[in-house]
Amino acid sequence: MPFTPSTTPEAARRVACIGAGVIGGGWVAHFLARGYDVTAWDPADDAEEKLRRLVSAAWPALEQLGLADGASPDRLTVAPTLAEAVAEADFVQESAPEKLELKRSLLAELDAATPAGVVIASSTSGYPMTDMQTTAADPSRLVVGHPFNPPYLIPLVEVVGGTDTAPEAVDWASRFYDLAGKSVITMDRELPGFIANRLQEALWREALHMVANGEATVEDIDASITEGPGLRWAFMGPCLTFALAGGEGGMAHMLDHFGPSLKSPWTRLEAPELDRELRDAMVDGCASAAGDRTYADLVAERDQGVINVLRATGRLPHQADQGASAPTGHEGEQHPNTPGSPA
């Protein structure tokens, strides 16, 4: 079924948020802060009281981030029924509990109640839209809009359609989220758990293995991230970070030098075969991500970024905070205690 939007993303002014728990309430706070009128609905008897408390608690942080013109908690309306919540919506964000049958029935109900041409997005953490849109009369307008908690603070939203979703609906949603101040990843294909959750889940499962086997404590695991790679991940992802481990040779040198370590038992995950196609995809991808930035530019960006994170979190030593020069870094040189490691 072809999808014809009822309005443009630029003209959308009223958002309906269906489900007002932690995620749904976070979405409400975000959209209010961006100057939208928001109508919410949740079946719980105390939903409105809890939602208004959540918005009130989030508002000081949102003020620090910067409010859009006209932004106000007063622009929130809590509707008594689902149908009334979506009656005048320009966009619908569904954030019901992560139960597949519930998602299917609710999305079908939303599709029946929402005016034609309005995109309906699900905050699902892992279900593919193909599995959720099976009972909707018009699945062409159903998309995934997966946020990270709390949605009013974490910029990321991953957007992807299902088998029966119109590409135009995906494009509309991506543009709308961008205008609403989110950092948007529009995925080319469905993947259970999407991108960020799969990466997060891999780390989480390995942590559980280590605790279960007595290999590390919870404190060790958390510190290994907050005092280690997490400092870099705040501004430079794992791919570019590893590319810097290759020195001026970049990702190509890193893979050629450290590639054999993929066969080492450093994780319970099975590594893919590092064939020429995968190697070239990683090298080309890092070159694209780096853009016009040279190796020296990236090193300087990384070094200053780590200093900024340490300073922002109150962990910068006093001497460094008084103007000690930034570390220069010697990428490509192995740490004496971690031979063969691209860390």
C-alpha atoms as a PDB file:
ATOM      1  CA  MET A   1       0.000   0.000   0.000  1.00  0.00           C
ATOM      2  CA  PRO A   2       1.493   3.382  -0.966  1.00  0.00           C
ATOM      3  CA  PHE A   3       2.174   5.841   1.833  1.00  0.00           C
ATOM      4  CA  THR A   4       1.174   9.481   1.461  1.00  0.00           C
ATOM      5  CA  PRO A   5       2.089  11.624   4.482  1.00  0.00           C
ATOM      6  CA  SER A   6      -0.590  13.926   5.843  1.00  0.00           C
ATOM      7  CA  THR A   7       1.959  16.667   6.516  1.00  0.00           C
ATOM      8  CA  THR A   8       5.664  17.366   6.242  1.00  0.00           C
ATOM      9  CA  PRO A   9       8.074  16.696   9.098  1.00  0.00           C
ATOM     10  CA  GLU A  10       8.712  20.445   9.243  1.00  0.00           C
ATOM     11  CA  ALA A  11       5.005  21.192   9.734  1.00  0.00           C
ATOM     12  CA  ALA A  12       4.365  18.544  12.408  1.00  0.00           C
ATOM     13  CA  ARG A  13       3.384  20.207  15.688  1.00  0.00           C
ATOM     14  CA  ARG A  14       1.486  17.641  17.792  1.00  0.00           C
ATOM     15  CA  VAL A  15       2.984  14.363  18.943  1.00  0.00           C
ATOM     16  CA  ALA A  16       1.017  11.543  20.535  1.00  0.00           C
ATOM     17  CA  CYS A  17       2.968   9.420  23.017  1.00  0.00           C
ATOM     18  CA  ILE A  18       1.300   6.094  23.715  1.00  0.00           C
ATOM     19  CA  GLY A  19       2.673   4.530  26.878  1.00  0.00           C
ATOM     20  CA  ALA A  20       3.969   6.816  29.619  1.00  0.00           C
ATOM     21  CA  GLY A  21       6.467   4.699  31.529  1.00  0.00           C
ATOM     22  CA  VAL A  22      10.190   5.386  31.741  1.00  0.00           C
ATOM     23  CA  ILE A  23      10.716   5.395  27.957  1.00  0.00           C
ATOM     24  CA  GLY A  24       7.374   6.881  26.942  1.00  0.00           C
ATOM     25  CA  GLY A  25       7.637   9.536  29.639  1.00  0.00           C
ATOM     26  CA  GLY A  26      11.159  10.322  28.504  1.00  0.00           C
ATOM     27  CA  TRP A  27       9.864  10.853  24.986  1.00  0.00           C
ATOM     28  CA  VAL A  28       7.140  13.161  26.347  1.00  0.00           C
ATOM     29  CA  ALA A  29       9.755  15.275  28.131  1.00  0.00           C
ATOM     30  CA  HIS A  30      11.930  15.419  25.018  1.00  0.00           C
ATOM     31  CA  PHE A  31       9.149  16.488  22.663  1.00  0.00           C
ATOM     32  CA  LEU A  32       7.897  19.107  25.130  1.00  0.00           C
ATOM     33  CA  ALA A  33      11.423  20.514  25.418  1.00  0.00           C
ATOM     34  CA  ARG A  34      11.599  20.766  21.634  1.00  0.00           C
ATOM     35  CA  GLY A  35       8.466  22.925  21.570  1.00  0.00           C
ATOM     36  CA  TYR A  36       5.877  20.380  20.471  1.00  0.00           C
ATOM     37  CA  ASP A  37       2.353  19.952  21.778  1.00  0.00           C
ATOM     38  CA  VAL A  38       2.190  16.475  23.295  1.00  0.00           C
ATOM     39  CA  THR A  39      -0.825  14.296  23.978  1.00  0.00           C
ATOM     40  CA  ALA A  40      -0.115  11.220  26.058  1.00  0.00           C
ATOM     41  CA  TRP A  41      -2.086   8.114  26.962  1.00  0.00           C
ATOM     42  CA  ASP A  42      -1.352   5.201  29.258  1.00  0.00           C
ATOM     43  CA  PRO A  43      -3.844   2.665  30.670  1.00  0.00           C
ATOM     44  CA  ALA A  44      -2.453   2.794  34.229  1.00  0.00           C
ATOM     45  CA  ASP A  45      -4.680   4.580  36.767  1.00  0.00           C
ATOM     46  CA  ASP A  46      -1.818   6.670  38.139  1.00  0.00           C
ATOM     47  CA  ALA A  47      -0.145   7.275  34.763  1.00  0.00           C
ATOM     48  CA  GLU A  48      -0.784  11.033  34.599  1.00  0.00           C
ATOM     49  CA  GLU A  49       0.560  11.690  38.099  1.00  0.00           C
ATOM     50  CA  LYS A  50       3.737   9.702  37.424  1.00  0.00           C
ATOM     51  CA  LEU A  51       4.195  11.259  33.987  1.00  0.00           C
ATOM     52  CA  ARG A  52       3.971  14.828  35.247  1.00  0.00           C
ATOM     53  CA  ARG A  53       6.446  13.974  38.020  1.00  0.00           C
ATOM     54  CA  LEU A  54       8.855  12.557  35.429  1.00  0.00           C
ATOM     55  CA  VAL A  55       8.582  15.647  33.230  1.00  0.00           C
ATOM     56  CA  SER A  56       9.094  17.925  36.244  1.00  0.00           C
ATOM     57  CA  ALA A  57      12.166  15.970  37.324  1.00  0.00           C
ATOM     58  CA  ALA A  58      13.638  16.055  33.810  1.00  0.00           C
ATOM     59  CA  TRP A  59      12.993  19.740  33.159  1.00  0.00           C
ATOM     60  CA  PRO A  60      16.090  21.168  34.932  1.00  0.00           C
ATOM     61  CA  ALA A  61      18.334  18.955  32.773  1.00  0.00           C
ATOM     62  CA  LEU A  62      16.399  19.986  29.675  1.00  0.00           C
ATOM     63  CA  GLU A  63      16.835  23.650  30.585  1.00  0.00           C
ATOM     64  CA  GLN A  64      20.599  23.073  30.740  1.00  0.00           C
ATOM     65  CA  LEU A  65      20.482  21.452  27.295  1.00  0.00           C
ATOM     66  CA  GLY A  66      18.521  24.407  25.947  1.00  0.00           C
ATOM     67  CA  LEU A  67      14.801  24.650  25.344  1.00  0.00           C
ATOM     68  CA  ALA A  68      13.181  25.382  22.001  1.00  0.00           C
ATOM     69  CA  ASP A  69      11.093  28.516  21.623  1.00  0.00           C
ATOM     70  CA  GLY A  70       7.743  28.040  23.322  1.00  0.00           C
ATOM     71  CA  ALA A  71       8.762  24.850  25.110  1.00  0.00           C
ATOM     72  CA  SER A  72       6.701  24.262  28.236  1.00  0.00           C
ATOM     73  CA  PRO A  73       5.384  21.403  30.370  1.00  0.00           C
ATOM     74  CA  ASP A  74       2.020  23.164  30.052  1.00  0.00           C
ATOM     75  CA  ARG A  75       1.804  21.901  26.473  1.00  0.00           C
ATOM     76  CA  LEU A  76       1.210  18.371  27.756  1.00  0.00           C
ATOM     77  CA  THR A  77      -2.293  16.909  27.623  1.00  0.00           C
ATOM     78  CA  VAL A  78      -3.115  13.479  29.024  1.00  0.00           C
ATOM     79  CA  ALA A  79      -6.013  11.929  27.107  1.00  0.00           C
ATOM     80  CA  PRO A  80      -8.538   9.549  28.674  1.00  0.00           C
ATOM     81  CA  THR A  81      -8.492   7.164  25.708  1.00  0.00           C
ATOM     82  CA  LEU A  82      -6.065   6.005  23.066  1.00  0.00           C
ATOM     83  CA  ALA A  83      -8.361   7.216  20.291  1.00  0.00           C
ATOM     84  CA  GLU A  84      -8.509  10.735  21.735  1.00  0.00           C
ATOM     85  CA  ALA A  85      -4.728  10.795  22.158  1.00  0.00           C
ATOM     86  CA  VAL A  86      -4.045  10.200  18.456  1.00  0.00           C
ATOM     87  CA  ALA A  87      -7.053  12.025  16.970  1.00  0.00           C
ATOM     88  CA  GLU A  88      -5.081  15.157  16.025  1.00  0.00           C
ATOM     89  CA  ALA A  89      -1.559  13.740  16.020  1.00  0.00           C
ATOM     90  CA  ASP A  90       1.005  14.565  13.348  1.00  0.00           C
ATOM     91  CA  PHE A  91       3.271  11.780  14.651  1.00  0.00           C
ATOM     92  CA  VAL A  92       2.769   8.879  17.054  1.00  0.00           C
ATOM     93  CA  GLN A  93       5.436   7.367  19.333  1.00  0.00           C
ATOM     94  CA  GLU A  94       4.442   4.019  20.866  1.00  0.00           C
ATOM     95  CA  SER A  95       6.339   2.929  23.991  1.00  0.00           C
ATOM     96  CA  ALA A  96       4.431  -0.045  25.384  1.00  0.00           C
ATOM     97  CA  PRO A  97       6.108  -2.900  27.327  1.00  0.00           C
ATOM     98  CA  GLU A  98       8.366  -5.199  25.313  1.00  0.00           C
ATOM     99  CA  LYS A  99       5.886  -8.005  24.650  1.00  0.00           C
ATOM    100  CA  LEU A 100       5.461  -9.041  21.026  1.00  0.00           C
ATOM    101  CA  GLU A 101       1.734  -9.851  21.080  1.00  0.00           C
ATOM    102  CA  LEU A 102       1.027  -6.611  22.947  1.00  0.00           C
ATOM    103  CA  LYS A 103       3.030  -4.654  20.383  1.00  0.00           C
ATOM    104  CA  ARG A 104       1.154  -6.320  17.510  1.00  0.00           C
ATOM    105  CA  SER A 105      -2.296  -5.634  18.906  1.00  0.00           C
ATOM    106  CA  LEU A 106      -1.466  -2.105  20.031  1.00  0.00           C
ATOM    107  CA  LEU A 107       0.066  -1.098  16.692  1.00  0.00           C
ATOM    108  CA  ALA A 108      -2.991  -2.488  14.907  1.00  0.00           C
ATOM    109  CA  GLU A 109      -5.224  -0.470  17.257  1.00  0.00           C
ATOM    110  CA  LEU A 110      -3.143   2.648  16.699  1.00  0.00           C
ATOM    111  CA  ASP A 111      -3.289   2.157  12.949  1.00  0.00           C
ATOM    112  CA  ALA A 112      -7.090   1.953  13.102  1.00  0.00           C
ATOM    113  CA  ALA A 113      -7.426   5.056  15.299  1.00  0.00           C
ATOM    114  CA  THR A 114      -4.757   7.358  13.854  1.00  0.00           C
ATOM    115  CA  PRO A 115      -5.605   9.641  10.903  1.00  0.00           C
ATOM    116  CA  ALA A 116      -4.369   8.431   7.523  1.00  0.00           C
ATOM    117  CA  GLY A 117      -0.897   9.523   6.484  1.00  0.00           C
ATOM    118  CA  VAL A 118       0.476   9.850  10.037  1.00  0.00           C
ATOM    119  CA  VAL A 119       3.647   7.890  10.778  1.00  0.00           C
ATOM    120  CA  ILE A 120       3.506   5.580  13.803  1.00  0.00           C
ATOM    121  CA  ALA A 121       6.848   4.681  15.409  1.00  0.00           C
ATOM    122  CA  SER A 122       7.601   2.008  17.988  1.00  0.00           C
ATOM    123  CA  SER A 123      10.202   2.402  20.729  1.00  0.00           C
ATOM    124  CA  THR A 124      10.825  -1.353  20.746  1.00  0.00           C
ATOM    125  CA  SER A 125      14.231  -2.368  22.075  1.00  0.00           C
ATOM    126  CA  GLY A 126      14.681  -5.329  19.786  1.00  0.00           C
ATOM    127  CA  TYR A 127      11.669  -6.591  17.844  1.00  0.00           C
ATOM    128  CA  PRO A 128      11.858  -6.157  14.067  1.00  0.00           C
ATOM    129  CA  MET A 129       8.930  -4.160  12.701  1.00  0.00           C
ATOM    130  CA  THR A 130       8.247  -7.040  10.296  1.00  0.00           C
ATOM    131  CA  ASP A 131       7.231  -9.113  13.332  1.00  0.00           C
ATOM    132  CA  MET A 132       5.082  -6.356  14.850  1.00  0.00           C
ATOM    133  CA  GLN A 133       3.144  -5.028  11.849  1.00  0.00           C
ATOM    134  CA  THR A 134       1.456  -8.305  10.908  1.00  0.00           C
ATOM    135  CA  THR A 135      -2.092  -7.393  12.017  1.00  0.00           C
ATOM    136  CA  ALA A 136      -2.184  -3.691  11.052  1.00  0.00           C
ATOM    137  CA  ALA A 137      -4.473  -2.706   8.195  1.00  0.00           C
ATOM    138  CA  ASP A 138      -1.895  -0.207   6.891  1.00  0.00           C
ATOM    139  CA  PRO A 139       1.581  -1.458   7.845  1.00  0.00           C
ATOM    140  CA  SER A 140       3.193   0.929   5.354  1.00  0.00           C
ATOM    141  CA  ARG A 141       3.341   3.743   7.942  1.00  0.00           C
ATOM    142  CA  LEU A 142       4.749   1.670  10.824  1.00  0.00           C
ATOM    143  CA  VAL A 143       8.441   2.162  11.647  1.00  0.00           C
ATOM    144  CA  VAL A 144      10.833   1.495  14.493  1.00  0.00           C
ATOM    145  CA  GLY A 145      12.113   4.572  16.309  1.00  0.00           C
ATOM    146  CA  HIS A 146      14.346   3.002  18.968  1.00  0.00           C
ATOM    147  CA  PRO A 147      15.670   5.481  21.571  1.00  0.00           C
ATOM    148  CA  PHE A 148      18.147   5.096  24.404  1.00  0.00           C
ATOM    149  CA  ASN A 149      17.155   5.785  27.976  1.00  0.00           C
ATOM    150  CA  PRO A 150      16.463   8.485  28.891  1.00  0.00           C
ATOM    151  CA  PRO A 151      15.182   9.692  25.499  1.00  0.00           C
ATOM    152  CA  TYR A 152      15.259  13.326  26.627  1.00  0.00           C
ATOM    153  CA  LEU A 153      18.983  13.124  27.375  1.00  0.00           C
ATOM    154  CA  ILE A 154      20.568  10.513  25.071  1.00  0.00           C
ATOM    155  CA  PRO A 155      20.483  11.786  21.446  1.00  0.00           C
ATOM    156  CA  LEU A 156      20.437   8.461  19.594  1.00  0.00           C
ATOM    157  CA  VAL A 157      17.397   7.080  17.787  1.00  0.00           C
ATOM    158  CA  GLU A 158      17.630   4.143  15.373  1.00  0.00           C
ATOM    159  CA  VAL A 159      15.067   4.150  12.570  1.00  0.00           C
ATOM    160  CA  VAL A 160      14.182   1.169  10.403  1.00  0.00           C
ATOM    161  CA  GLY A 161      11.103  -0.162   8.665  1.00  0.00           C
ATOM    162  CA  GLY A 162       9.681  -3.638   8.266  1.00  0.00           C
ATOM    163  CA  THR A 163       8.997  -5.679   5.152  1.00  0.00           C
ATOM    164  CA  ASP A 164       5.697  -3.849   4.581  1.00  0.00           C
ATOM    165  CA  THR A 165       6.873  -0.383   5.623  1.00  0.00           C
ATOM    166  CA  ALA A 166       7.003   2.225   2.877  1.00  0.00           C
ATOM    167  CA  PRO A 167      10.479   3.743   2.376  1.00  0.00           C
ATOM    168  CA  GLU A 168       8.788   7.147   2.408  1.00  0.00           C
ATOM    169  CA  ALA A 169       7.571   6.533   5.970  1.00  0.00           C
ATOM    170  CA  VAL A 170      11.113   5.686   7.097  1.00  0.00           C
ATOM    171  CA  ASP A 171      12.437   8.844   5.434  1.00  0.00           C
ATOM    172  CA  TRP A 172       9.670  10.921   7.021  1.00  0.00           C
ATOM    173  CA  ALA A 173      10.393   9.579  10.492  1.00  0.00           C
ATOM    174  CA  SER A 174      14.144  10.091  10.136  1.00  0.00           C
ATOM    175  CA  ARG A 175      13.660  13.682   9.040  1.00  0.00           C
ATOM    176  CA  PHE A 176      11.171  14.347  11.839  1.00  0.00           C
ATOM    177  CA  TYR A 177      13.499  12.976  14.524  1.00  0.00           C
ATOM    178  CA  ASP A 178      16.340  15.064  13.104  1.00  0.00           C
ATOM    179  CA  LEU A 179      14.224  18.207  13.323  1.00  0.00           C
ATOM    180  CA  ALA A 180      13.231  17.181  16.856  1.00  0.00           C
ATOM    181  CA  GLY A 181      16.864  17.275  17.925  1.00  0.00           C
ATOM    182  CA  LYS A 182      17.760  13.592  17.838  1.00  0.00           C
ATOM    183  CA  SER A 183      20.903  11.971  16.406  1.00  0.00           C
ATOM    184  CA  VAL A 184      19.441   9.631  13.792  1.00  0.00           C
ATOM    185  CA  ILE A 185      20.771   6.367  12.407  1.00  0.00           C
ATOM    186  CA  THR A 186      18.595   5.205   9.516  1.00  0.00           C
ATOM    187  CA  MET A 187      19.318   1.511   9.140  1.00  0.00           C
ATOM    188  CA  ASP A 188      19.469  -0.094   5.702  1.00  0.00           C
ATOM    189  CA  ARG A 189      18.013  -3.385   6.921  1.00  0.00           C
ATOM    190  CA  GLU A 190      16.295  -4.925   9.922  1.00  0.00           C
ATOM    191  CA  LEU A 191      18.401  -6.538  12.617  1.00  0.00           C
ATOM    192  CA  PRO A 192      17.039  -7.842  15.940  1.00  0.00           C
ATOM    193  CA  GLY A 193      18.253  -5.480  18.660  1.00  0.00           C
ATOM    194  CA  PHE A 194      19.304  -2.961  15.988  1.00  0.00           C
ATOM    195  CA  ILE A 195      22.877  -1.620  16.223  1.00  0.00           C
ATOM    196  CA  ALA A 196      23.553  -0.065  19.615  1.00  0.00           C
ATOM    197  CA  ASN A 197      21.687  -2.686  21.624  1.00  0.00           C
ATOM    198  CA  ARG A 198      23.575  -5.509  19.928  1.00  0.00           C
ATOM    199  CA  LEU A 199      26.888  -3.885  20.830  1.00  0.00           C
ATOM    200  CA  GLN A 200      25.697  -3.124  24.360  1.00  0.00           C
ATOM    201  CA  GLU A 201      24.311  -6.656  24.772  1.00  0.00           C
ATOM    202  CA  ALA A 202      27.576  -8.267  23.648  1.00  0.00           C
ATOM    203  CA  LEU A 203      29.442  -6.355  26.362  1.00  0.00           C
ATOM    204  CA  TRP A 204      26.749  -7.159  28.929  1.00  0.00           C
ATOM    205  CA  ARG A 205      26.761 -10.902  28.216  1.00  0.00           C
ATOM    206  CA  GLU A 206      30.543 -11.082  28.461  1.00  0.00           C
ATOM    207  CA  ALA A 207      30.338  -9.235  31.793  1.00  0.00           C
ATOM    208  CA  LEU A 208      27.823 -11.787  33.086  1.00  0.00           C
ATOM    209  CA  HIS A 209      30.119 -14.632  31.990  1.00  0.00           C
ATOM    210  CA  MET A 210      33.051 -13.111  33.864  1.00  0.00           C
ATOM    211  CA  VAL A 211      31.064 -12.631  37.077  1.00  0.00           C
ATOM    212  CA  ALA A 212      29.512 -16.118  36.831  1.00  0.00           C
ATOM    213  CA  ASN A 213      32.955 -17.692  36.403  1.00  0.00           C
ATOM    214  CA  GLY A 214      34.605 -15.643  39.151  1.00  0.00           C
ATOM    215  CA  GLU A 215      36.879 -13.990  36.582  1.00  0.00           C
ATOM    216  CA  ALA A 216      36.072 -10.389  37.556  1.00  0.00           C
ATOM    217  CA  THR A 217      33.949  -8.477  40.041  1.00  0.00           C
ATOM    218  CA  VAL A 218      31.160  -6.082  39.156  1.00  0.00           C
ATOM    219  CA  GLU A 219      33.379  -3.221  40.343  1.00  0.00           C
ATOM    220  CA  ASP A 220      36.246  -4.416  38.128  1.00  0.00           C
ATOM    221  CA  ILE A 221      34.008  -4.604  35.091  1.00  0.00           C
ATOM    222  CA  ASP A 222      32.499  -1.146  35.548  1.00  0.00           C
ATOM    223  CA  ALA A 223      35.901   0.436  36.215  1.00  0.00           C
ATOM    224  CA  SER A 224      37.376  -1.260  33.152  1.00  0.00           C
ATOM    225  CA  ILE A 225      34.954   0.771  31.021  1.00  0.00           C
ATOM    226  CA  THR A 226      34.644   4.063  32.911  1.00  0.00           C
ATOM    227  CA  GLU A 227      38.423   4.320  33.389  1.00  0.00           C
ATOM    228  CA  GLY A 228      39.302   2.769  30.035  1.00  0.00           C
ATOM    229  CA  PRO A 229      37.618   2.609  26.628  1.00  0.00           C
ATOM    230  CA  GLY A 230      34.447   4.354  27.831  1.00  0.00           C
ATOM    231  CA  LEU A 231      36.402   7.606  28.024  1.00  0.00           C
ATOM    232  CA  ARG A 232      37.054   7.404  24.288  1.00  0.00           C
ATOM    233  CA  TRP A 233      33.660   6.023  23.310  1.00  0.00           C
ATOM    234  CA  ALA A 234      32.039   9.209  24.603  1.00  0.00           C
ATOM    235  CA  PHE A 235      33.181  10.985  21.426  1.00  0.00           C
ATOM    236  CA  MET A 236      34.959   8.459  19.163  1.00  0.00           C
ATOM    237  CA  GLY A 237      33.501   5.031  18.453  1.00  0.00           C
ATOM    238  CA  PRO A 238      35.321   1.706  18.560  1.00  0.00           C
ATOM    239  CA  CYS A 239      36.151   1.630  14.840  1.00  0.00           C
ATOM    240  CA  LEU A 240      37.976   4.965  14.654  1.00  0.00           C
ATOM    241  CA  THR A 241      39.530   4.282  18.052  1.00  0.00           C
ATOM    242  CA  PHE A 242      41.015   1.040  16.764  1.00  0.00           C
ATOM    243  CA  ALA A 243      42.092   2.748  13.547  1.00  0.00           C
ATOM    244  CA  LEU A 244      44.295   5.040  15.646  1.00  0.00           C
ATOM    245  CA  ALA A 245      45.936   1.922  17.099  1.00  0.00           C
ATOM    246  CA  GLY A 246      47.356   1.364  13.611  1.00  0.00           C
ATOM    247  CA  GLY A 247      49.308   4.610  13.756  1.00  0.00           C
ATOM    248  CA  GLU A 248      49.639   6.474  10.489  1.00  0.00           C
ATOM    249  CA  GLY A 249      48.770   3.220   8.710  1.00  0.00           C
ATOM    250  CA  GLY A 250      45.285   3.452  10.170  1.00  0.00           C
ATOM    251  CA  MET A 251      42.776   0.614  10.145  1.00  0.00           C
ATOM    252  CA  ALA A 252      44.654  -1.245   7.411  1.00  0.00           C
ATOM    253  CA  HIS A 253      47.790  -1.523   9.544  1.00  0.00           C
ATOM    254  CA  MET A 254      45.766  -2.300  12.672  1.00  0.00           C
ATOM    255  CA  LEU A 255      43.965  -5.219  10.997  1.00  0.00           C
ATOM    256  CA  ASP A 256      47.106  -6.554   9.352  1.00  0.00           C
ATOM    257  CA  HIS A 257      49.011  -6.329  12.639  1.00  0.00           C
ATOM    258  CA  PHE A 258      46.358  -7.314  15.174  1.00  0.00           C
ATOM    259  CA  GLY A 259      44.067  -9.416  12.965  1.00  0.00           C
ATOM    260  CA  PRO A 260      45.401 -12.741  14.255  1.00  0.00           C
ATOM    261  CA  SER A 261      44.204 -11.800  17.769  1.00  0.00           C
ATOM    262  CA  LEU A 262      40.646 -12.401  16.532  1.00  0.00           C
ATOM    263  CA  LYS A 263      41.424 -16.089  17.015  1.00  0.00           C
ATOM    264  CA  SER A 264      42.494 -15.517  20.622  1.00  0.00           C
ATOM    265  CA  PRO A 265      40.046 -16.452  23.414  1.00  0.00           C
ATOM    266  CA  TRP A 266      39.371 -12.854  24.474  1.00  0.00           C
ATOM    267  CA  THR A 267      35.575 -13.186  24.329  1.00  0.00           C
ATOM    268  CA  ARG A 268      32.926 -15.888  24.164  1.00  0.00           C
ATOM    269  CA  LEU A 269      31.737 -14.420  20.885  1.00  0.00           C
ATOM    270  CA  GLU A 270      32.895 -16.098  17.710  1.00  0.00           C
ATOM    271  CA  ALA A 271      34.807 -13.705  15.456  1.00  0.00           C
ATOM    272  CA  PRO A 272      33.948 -13.462  11.744  1.00  0.00           C
ATOM    273  CA  GLU A 273      36.551 -14.498   9.218  1.00  0.00           C
ATOM    274  CA  LEU A 274      38.764 -11.510   8.490  1.00  0.00           C
ATOM    275  CA  ASP A 275      38.765 -11.953   4.724  1.00  0.00           C
ATOM    276  CA  ARG A 276      39.697  -9.345   2.152  1.00  0.00           C
ATOM    277  CA  GLU A 277      36.104  -8.123   1.773  1.00  0.00           C
ATOM    278  CA  LEU A 278      35.672  -7.461   5.500  1.00  0.00           C
ATOM    279  CA  ARG A 279      39.129  -5.909   5.777  1.00  0.00           C
ATOM    280  CA  ASP A 280      38.426  -3.528   2.906  1.00  0.00           C
ATOM    281  CA  ALA A 281      34.992  -2.648   4.300  1.00  0.00           C
ATOM    282  CA  MET A 282      36.542  -1.674   7.633  1.00  0.00           C
ATOM    283  CA  VAL A 283      39.381   0.292   6.017  1.00  0.00           C
ATOM    284  CA  ASP A 284      37.037   2.135   3.649  1.00  0.00           C
ATOM    285  CA  GLY A 285      34.521   2.777   6.415  1.00  0.00           C
ATOM    286  CA  CYS A 286      37.130   4.337   8.698  1.00  0.00           C
ATOM    287  CA  ALA A 287      38.446   6.475   5.852  1.00  0.00           C
ATOM    288  CA  SER A 288      34.912   7.716   5.231  1.00  0.00           C
ATOM    289  CA  ALA A 289      34.338   8.394   8.948  1.00  0.00           C
ATOM    290  CA  ALA A 290      37.624  10.300   9.232  1.00  0.00           C
ATOM    291  CA  GLY A 291      36.785  12.471   6.253  1.00  0.00           C
ATOM    292  CA  ASP A 292      39.327  15.256   5.809  1.00  0.00           C
ATOM    293  CA  ARG A 293      40.845  14.721   9.265  1.00  0.00           C
ATOM    294  CA  THR A 294      44.436  13.492   9.226  1.00  0.00           C
ATOM    295  CA  TYR A 295      45.905  10.980  11.650  1.00  0.00           C
ATOM    296  CA  ALA A 296      47.376  13.882  13.626  1.00  0.00           C
ATOM    297  CA  ASP A 297      43.981  15.602  13.682  1.00  0.00           C
ATOM    298  CA  LEU A 298      42.306  12.482  15.038  1.00  0.00           C
ATOM    299  CA  VAL A 299      44.965  11.964  17.712  1.00  0.00           C
ATOM    300  CA  ALA A 300      44.598  15.571  18.855  1.00  0.00           C
ATOM    301  CA  GLU A 301      40.810  15.214  18.851  1.00  0.00           C
ATOM    302  CA  ARG A 302      41.004  12.030  20.886  1.00  0.00           C
ATOM    303  CA  ASP A 303      43.476  13.437  23.397  1.00  0.00           C
ATOM    304  CA  GLN A 304      41.503  16.622  23.974  1.00  0.00           C
ATOM    305  CA  GLY A 305      38.277  14.627  24.119  1.00  0.00           C
ATOM    306  CA  VAL A 306      39.576  12.370  26.886  1.00  0.00           C
ATOM    307  CA  ILE A 307      40.796  15.418  28.817  1.00  0.00           C
ATOM    308  CA  ASN A 308      37.379  17.054  28.408  1.00  0.00           C
ATOM    309  CA  VAL A 309      35.569  13.935  29.652  1.00  0.00           C
ATOM    310  CA  LEU A 310      37.910  13.587  32.631  1.00  0.00           C
ATOM    311  CA  ARG A 311      37.443  17.244  33.485  1.00  0.00           C
ATOM    312  CA  ALA A 312      33.662  17.093  33.063  1.00  0.00           C
ATOM    313  CA  THR A 313      33.416  14.071  35.355  1.00  0.00           C
ATOM    314  CA  GLY A 314      35.690  15.576  38.001  1.00  0.00           C
ATOM    315  CA  ARG A 315      38.458  13.017  37.519  1.00  0.00           C
ATOM    316  CA  LEU A 316      41.184  15.181  36.053  1.00  0.00           C
ATOM    317  CA  PRO A 317      44.189  15.339  38.398  1.00  0.00           C
ATOM    318  CA  HIS A 318      44.811  18.765  39.903  1.00  0.00           C
ATOM    319  CA  GLN A 319      48.131  19.254  38.093  1.00  0.00           C
ATOM    320  CA  ALA A 320      46.578  18.449  34.706  1.00  0.00           C
ATOM    321  CA  ASP A 321      43.679  20.758  35.438  1.00  0.00           C
ATOM    322  CA  GLN A 322      46.158  23.601  35.998  1.00  0.00           C
ATOM    323  CA  GLY A 323      47.458  23.430  32.453  1.00  0.00           C
ATOM    324  CA  ALA A 324      49.685  20.392  32.052  1.00  0.00           C
ATOM    325  CA  SER A 325      50.092  19.616  28.389  1.00  0.00           C
ATOM    326  CA  ALA A 326      47.887  16.980  26.780  1.00  0.00           C
ATOM    327  CA  PRO A 327      49.388  13.537  26.181  1.00  0.00           C
ATOM    328  CA  THR A 328      50.804  13.189  22.714  1.00  0.00           C
ATOM    329  CA  GLY A 329      50.000   9.512  22.248  1.00  0.00           C
ATOM    330  CA  HIS A 330      52.152   6.985  20.453  1.00  0.00           C
ATOM    331  CA  GLU A 331      49.680   5.028  18.408  1.00  0.00           C
ATOM    332  CA  GLY A 332      50.975   1.825  16.892  1.00  0.00           C
ATOM    333  CA  GLU A 333      53.254   1.136  19.881  1.00  0.00           C
ATOM    334  CA  GLN A 334      52.168  -1.777  22.042  1.00  0.00           C
ATOM    335  CA  HIS A 335      51.765  -1.354  25.771  1.00  0.00           C
ATOM    336  CA  PRO A 336      54.359  -3.553  27.450  1.00  0.00           C
ATOM    337  CA  ASN A 337      51.706  -5.299  29.557  1.00  0.00           C
ATOM    338  CA  THR A 338      49.337  -6.054  26.688  1.00  0.00           C
ATOM    339  CA  PRO A 339      51.281  -7.556  23.790  1.00  0.00           C
ATOM    340  CA  GLY A 340      49.267  -7.849  20.644  1.00  0.00           C
ATOM    341  CA  SER A 341      46.456  -5.649  21.948  1.00  0.00           C
ATOM    342  CA  PRO A 342      44.964  -2.812  19.855  1.00  0.00           C
ATOM    343  CA  ALA A 343      43.523  -1.225  22.996  1.00  0.00           C
END
